[in-house]
Every structure is written in C-alpha cells, then in structure tokens.
Amino acid sequence: MALVDLVRAVAGRKGATPAQVALAWLLARKPWIVPIPGTTKLHRLEENLGAVNVALTENDLKQIDEASSRLKLEGARLPEAALNMTGR
C-alpha cells in the first residue's frame, strides 16, 4: 500500500489519476517499454491516453523507483493453469 499511496500523492500533485502516473512512469523507464493497458470503456481509454501528458520529474521517478524497489513480490505471476498454457 505504500507504493499505492505514493502514486496517489504524485497523481494529486500532477492533477492526474493514479493510473496515468503509473503509465507515465512505465513510459519514462525505457524507450522500448510500451505499456498496453486493456480496457473496454471509452472513459478509461481516454484516461490512459492522458498519461502521455503527465510530466514526471527526476524526483518523482526517483521516489517511485525507490518505493517499488522495496516491494517484496510473492507468488506466481499467473495462475498455474495459465502458466501451463504458456509452456513455462
């Protein structure tokens, strides 16, 4: 929840949504990272597209990177049945 709280705080400062900040952070990571968010709702598509207008500062990126580096990820990436379909 600490990372979620940080993303919400950055979003508040930027006048953006947390989803826009998360997408903007991904876009700022590497030029070859291209997030492909799925949605079935037009308003969510418009929200996602707004991420390209979110300008994250070096300090914003540093804060998000530091918070995400402290996460301890547990469990499989996908349910076992889905992993079996990928051959991994």
N, C-alpha and C. Protein backbone atom coordinates (compact mmCIF):
# COMPACT_ATOMS: atom_id res chain seq x y z
N MET A 1 0.82 -1.20 0.00
CA MET A 1 0.00 0.00 0.00
C MET A 1 0.86 1.26 0.00
N ALA A 2 2.11 1.15 0.45
CA ALA A 2 2.97 2.33 0.46
C ALA A 2 3.19 2.84 -0.97
N LEU A 3 3.39 1.94 -1.90
CA LEU A 3 3.58 2.35 -3.30
C LEU A 3 2.30 2.97 -3.85
N VAL A 4 1.16 2.38 -3.54
CA VAL A 4 -0.12 2.94 -3.99
C VAL A 4 -0.31 4.34 -3.43
N ASP A 5 -0.01 4.52 -2.16
CA ASP A 5 -0.13 5.84 -1.54
C ASP A 5 0.79 6.85 -2.21
N LEU A 6 2.01 6.44 -2.53
CA LEU A 6 2.95 7.34 -3.19
C LEU A 6 2.44 7.72 -4.58
N VAL A 7 1.97 6.74 -5.34
CA VAL A 7 1.45 7.03 -6.69
C VAL A 7 0.25 7.96 -6.60
N ARG A 8 -0.60 7.75 -5.61
CA ARG A 8 -1.74 8.66 -5.41
C ARG A 8 -1.26 10.08 -5.09
N ALA A 9 -0.24 10.19 -4.25
CA ALA A 9 0.29 11.51 -3.89
C ALA A 9 0.88 12.22 -5.10
N VAL A 10 1.65 11.49 -5.90
CA VAL A 10 2.23 12.08 -7.12
C VAL A 10 1.09 12.50 -8.05
N ALA A 11 0.08 11.65 -8.19
CA ALA A 11 -1.06 11.97 -9.05
C ALA A 11 -1.74 13.26 -8.58
N GLY A 12 -1.91 13.40 -7.28
CA GLY A 12 -2.52 14.61 -6.74
C GLY A 12 -1.73 15.86 -7.07
N ARG A 13 -0.41 15.76 -6.96
CA ARG A 13 0.46 16.90 -7.28
C ARG A 13 0.41 17.24 -8.77
N LYS A 14 0.22 16.24 -9.60
CA LYS A 14 0.26 16.43 -11.05
C LYS A 14 -1.11 16.72 -11.65
N GLY A 15 -2.17 16.62 -10.84
CA GLY A 15 -3.51 16.78 -11.38
C GLY A 15 -3.86 15.64 -12.32
N ALA A 16 -3.38 14.45 -11.99
CA ALA A 16 -3.58 13.27 -12.82
C ALA A 16 -4.21 12.18 -11.98
N THR A 17 -4.55 11.08 -12.62
CA THR A 17 -5.07 9.93 -11.89
C THR A 17 -3.90 8.99 -11.57
N PRO A 18 -4.06 8.14 -10.57
CA PRO A 18 -3.01 7.16 -10.28
C PRO A 18 -2.68 6.29 -11.50
N ALA A 19 -3.69 5.92 -12.27
CA ALA A 19 -3.43 5.11 -13.47
C ALA A 19 -2.55 5.87 -14.46
N GLN A 20 -2.79 7.15 -14.62
CA GLN A 20 -1.98 7.96 -15.53
C GLN A 20 -0.54 8.05 -15.05
N VAL A 21 -0.36 8.20 -13.75
CA VAL A 21 1.00 8.26 -13.21
C VAL A 21 1.71 6.93 -13.40
N ALA A 22 1.01 5.82 -13.15
CA ALA A 22 1.62 4.51 -13.34
C ALA A 22 2.04 4.31 -14.79
N LEU A 23 1.19 4.68 -15.73
CA LEU A 23 1.54 4.55 -17.14
C LEU A 23 2.67 5.51 -17.53
N ALA A 24 2.63 6.73 -17.01
CA ALA A 24 3.70 7.70 -17.30
C ALA A 24 5.03 7.21 -16.76
N TRP A 25 5.01 6.57 -15.59
CA TRP A 25 6.23 6.02 -15.01
C TRP A 25 6.80 4.93 -15.91
N LEU A 26 5.93 4.04 -16.39
CA LEU A 26 6.39 3.00 -17.31
C LEU A 26 6.97 3.59 -18.58
N LEU A 27 6.30 4.60 -19.14
CA LEU A 27 6.79 5.24 -20.36
C LEU A 27 8.14 5.91 -20.14
N ALA A 28 8.39 6.40 -18.93
CA ALA A 28 9.64 7.10 -18.63
C ALA A 28 10.80 6.14 -18.33
N ARG A 29 10.50 4.88 -18.06
CA ARG A 29 11.53 3.92 -17.66
C ARG A 29 12.56 3.67 -18.76
N LYS A 30 12.11 3.24 -19.89
CA LYS A 30 12.99 2.91 -21.02
C LYS A 30 12.23 3.22 -22.31
N PRO A 31 12.92 3.64 -23.36
CA PRO A 31 12.20 3.97 -24.59
C PRO A 31 11.53 2.76 -25.25
N TRP A 32 11.99 1.56 -24.92
CA TRP A 32 11.42 0.37 -25.54
C TRP A 32 10.30 -0.27 -24.72
N ILE A 33 9.98 0.31 -23.56
CA ILE A 33 8.85 -0.19 -22.77
C ILE A 33 7.58 0.48 -23.27
N VAL A 34 6.64 -0.32 -23.70
CA VAL A 34 5.38 0.20 -24.21
C VAL A 34 4.24 -0.50 -23.46
N PRO A 35 3.65 0.18 -22.48
CA PRO A 35 2.54 -0.44 -21.76
C PRO A 35 1.33 -0.57 -22.69
N ILE A 36 0.63 -1.67 -22.57
CA ILE A 36 -0.57 -1.89 -23.36
C ILE A 36 -1.71 -2.20 -22.39
N PRO A 37 -2.32 -1.15 -21.84
CA PRO A 37 -3.41 -1.39 -20.90
C PRO A 37 -4.66 -1.83 -21.64
N GLY A 38 -5.36 -2.77 -21.09
CA GLY A 38 -6.60 -3.23 -21.69
C GLY A 38 -7.78 -2.53 -21.05
N THR A 39 -8.75 -2.19 -21.84
CA THR A 39 -9.96 -1.58 -21.31
C THR A 39 -11.12 -1.82 -22.27
N THR A 40 -12.30 -1.81 -21.73
CA THR A 40 -13.49 -1.93 -22.56
C THR A 40 -14.34 -0.67 -22.46
N LYS A 41 -13.86 0.32 -21.74
CA LYS A 41 -14.63 1.54 -21.51
C LYS A 41 -13.90 2.74 -22.14
N LEU A 42 -14.65 3.54 -22.89
CA LEU A 42 -14.07 4.69 -23.57
C LEU A 42 -13.44 5.66 -22.58
N HIS A 43 -14.10 5.91 -21.44
CA HIS A 43 -13.54 6.87 -20.49
C HIS A 43 -12.21 6.38 -19.92
N ARG A 44 -12.02 5.08 -19.79
CA ARG A 44 -10.73 4.54 -19.32
C ARG A 44 -9.66 4.68 -20.41
N LEU A 45 -10.05 4.48 -21.67
CA LEU A 45 -9.11 4.69 -22.77
C LEU A 45 -8.64 6.14 -22.78
N GLU A 46 -9.57 7.06 -22.63
CA GLU A 46 -9.21 8.48 -22.61
C GLU A 46 -8.32 8.80 -21.42
N GLU A 47 -8.61 8.20 -20.28
CA GLU A 47 -7.77 8.38 -19.10
C GLU A 47 -6.36 7.86 -19.37
N ASN A 48 -6.26 6.66 -19.92
CA ASN A 48 -4.95 6.07 -20.22
C ASN A 48 -4.15 6.94 -21.19
N LEU A 49 -4.83 7.44 -22.22
CA LEU A 49 -4.15 8.29 -23.20
C LEU A 49 -3.61 9.57 -22.56
N GLY A 50 -4.26 10.03 -21.50
CA GLY A 50 -3.80 11.22 -20.79
C GLY A 50 -2.45 11.05 -20.12
N ALA A 51 -1.99 9.82 -20.00
CA ALA A 51 -0.69 9.57 -19.35
C ALA A 51 0.46 10.20 -20.13
N VAL A 52 0.31 10.37 -21.43
CA VAL A 52 1.40 10.97 -22.22
C VAL A 52 1.59 12.44 -21.87
N ASN A 53 0.60 13.05 -21.23
CA ASN A 53 0.70 14.46 -20.84
C ASN A 53 1.17 14.65 -19.40
N VAL A 54 1.46 13.57 -18.71
CA VAL A 54 1.93 13.66 -17.32
C VAL A 54 3.45 13.74 -17.34
N ALA A 55 3.97 14.88 -16.91
CA ALA A 55 5.42 15.10 -16.88
C ALA A 55 5.95 14.77 -15.49
N LEU A 56 6.63 13.65 -15.39
CA LEU A 56 7.23 13.26 -14.12
C LEU A 56 8.64 13.83 -14.02
N THR A 57 8.95 14.43 -12.88
CA THR A 57 10.29 14.99 -12.67
C THR A 57 11.25 13.86 -12.28
N GLU A 58 12.52 14.17 -12.28
CA GLU A 58 13.51 13.20 -11.83
C GLU A 58 13.23 12.78 -10.40
N ASN A 59 12.79 13.73 -9.57
CA ASN A 59 12.46 13.41 -8.18
C ASN A 59 11.25 12.47 -8.10
N ASP A 60 10.23 12.73 -8.93
CA ASP A 60 9.06 11.84 -8.97
C ASP A 60 9.51 10.43 -9.32
N LEU A 61 10.30 10.31 -10.38
CA LEU A 61 10.77 9.00 -10.84
C LEU A 61 11.60 8.30 -9.76
N LYS A 62 12.46 9.07 -9.09
CA LYS A 62 13.30 8.51 -8.04
C LYS A 62 12.44 7.98 -6.89
N GLN A 63 11.44 8.75 -6.48
CA GLN A 63 10.57 8.31 -5.39
C GLN A 63 9.84 7.03 -5.75
N ILE A 64 9.29 6.96 -6.96
CA ILE A 64 8.54 5.77 -7.37
C ILE A 64 9.48 4.58 -7.51
N ASP A 65 10.67 4.80 -8.09
CA ASP A 65 11.64 3.71 -8.24
C ASP A 65 12.06 3.17 -6.88
N GLU A 66 12.34 4.07 -5.93
CA GLU A 66 12.76 3.63 -4.60
C GLU A 66 11.65 2.85 -3.90
N ALA A 67 10.42 3.33 -4.01
CA ALA A 67 9.30 2.64 -3.37
C ALA A 67 9.08 1.26 -4.00
N SER A 68 9.17 1.19 -5.32
CA SER A 68 8.94 -0.10 -5.98
C SER A 68 10.08 -1.07 -5.72
N SER A 69 11.29 -0.57 -5.51
CA SER A 69 12.42 -1.46 -5.26
C SER A 69 12.33 -2.13 -3.88
N ARG A 70 11.52 -1.56 -2.99
CA ARG A 70 11.35 -2.13 -1.65
C ARG A 70 10.24 -3.18 -1.59
N LEU A 71 9.53 -3.37 -2.69
CA LEU A 71 8.44 -4.34 -2.70
C LEU A 71 8.99 -5.75 -2.67
N LYS A 72 8.36 -6.58 -1.88
CA LYS A 72 8.70 -8.00 -1.85
C LYS A 72 7.58 -8.73 -2.58
N LEU A 73 7.89 -9.19 -3.77
CA LEU A 73 6.88 -9.88 -4.57
C LEU A 73 6.85 -11.35 -4.21
N GLU A 74 5.66 -11.86 -4.05
CA GLU A 74 5.48 -13.26 -3.68
C GLU A 74 4.44 -13.89 -4.59
N GLY A 75 4.59 -15.17 -4.83
CA GLY A 75 3.61 -15.89 -5.60
C GLY A 75 3.94 -15.91 -7.08
N ALA A 76 3.16 -16.69 -7.80
CA ALA A 76 3.36 -16.84 -9.23
C ALA A 76 2.82 -15.61 -9.97
N ARG A 77 3.36 -15.41 -11.15
CA ARG A 77 2.93 -14.30 -11.99
C ARG A 77 1.50 -14.50 -12.49
N LEU A 78 1.16 -15.75 -12.77
CA LEU A 78 -0.16 -16.12 -13.26
C LEU A 78 -0.64 -17.36 -12.53
N PRO A 79 -1.93 -17.65 -12.57
CA PRO A 79 -2.41 -18.92 -12.01
C PRO A 79 -1.75 -20.09 -12.74
N GLU A 80 -1.62 -21.22 -12.06
CA GLU A 80 -0.92 -22.38 -12.61
C GLU A 80 -1.49 -22.80 -13.97
N ALA A 81 -2.79 -22.79 -14.14
CA ALA A 81 -3.40 -23.20 -15.42
C ALA A 81 -2.94 -22.28 -16.55
N ALA A 82 -2.86 -21.01 -16.29
CA ALA A 82 -2.40 -20.06 -17.32
C ALA A 82 -0.93 -20.28 -17.62
N LEU A 83 -0.12 -20.50 -16.58
CA LEU A 83 1.30 -20.77 -16.80
C LEU A 83 1.50 -22.04 -17.64
N ASN A 84 0.69 -23.06 -17.41
CA ASN A 84 0.80 -24.29 -18.18
C ASN A 84 0.51 -24.04 -19.66
N MET A 85 -0.35 -23.11 -19.97
CA MET A 85 -0.66 -22.81 -21.37
C MET A 85 0.48 -22.09 -22.07
N THR A 86 1.35 -21.43 -21.30
CA THR A 86 2.47 -20.69 -21.91
C THR A 86 3.68 -21.57 -22.12
N GLY A 87 3.67 -22.77 -21.55
CA GLY A 87 4.82 -23.65 -21.69
C GLY A 87 5.96 -23.30 -20.76
N ARG A 88 5.71 -22.48 -19.75
CA ARG A 88 6.76 -22.08 -18.81
C ARG A 88 6.49 -22.65 -17.44
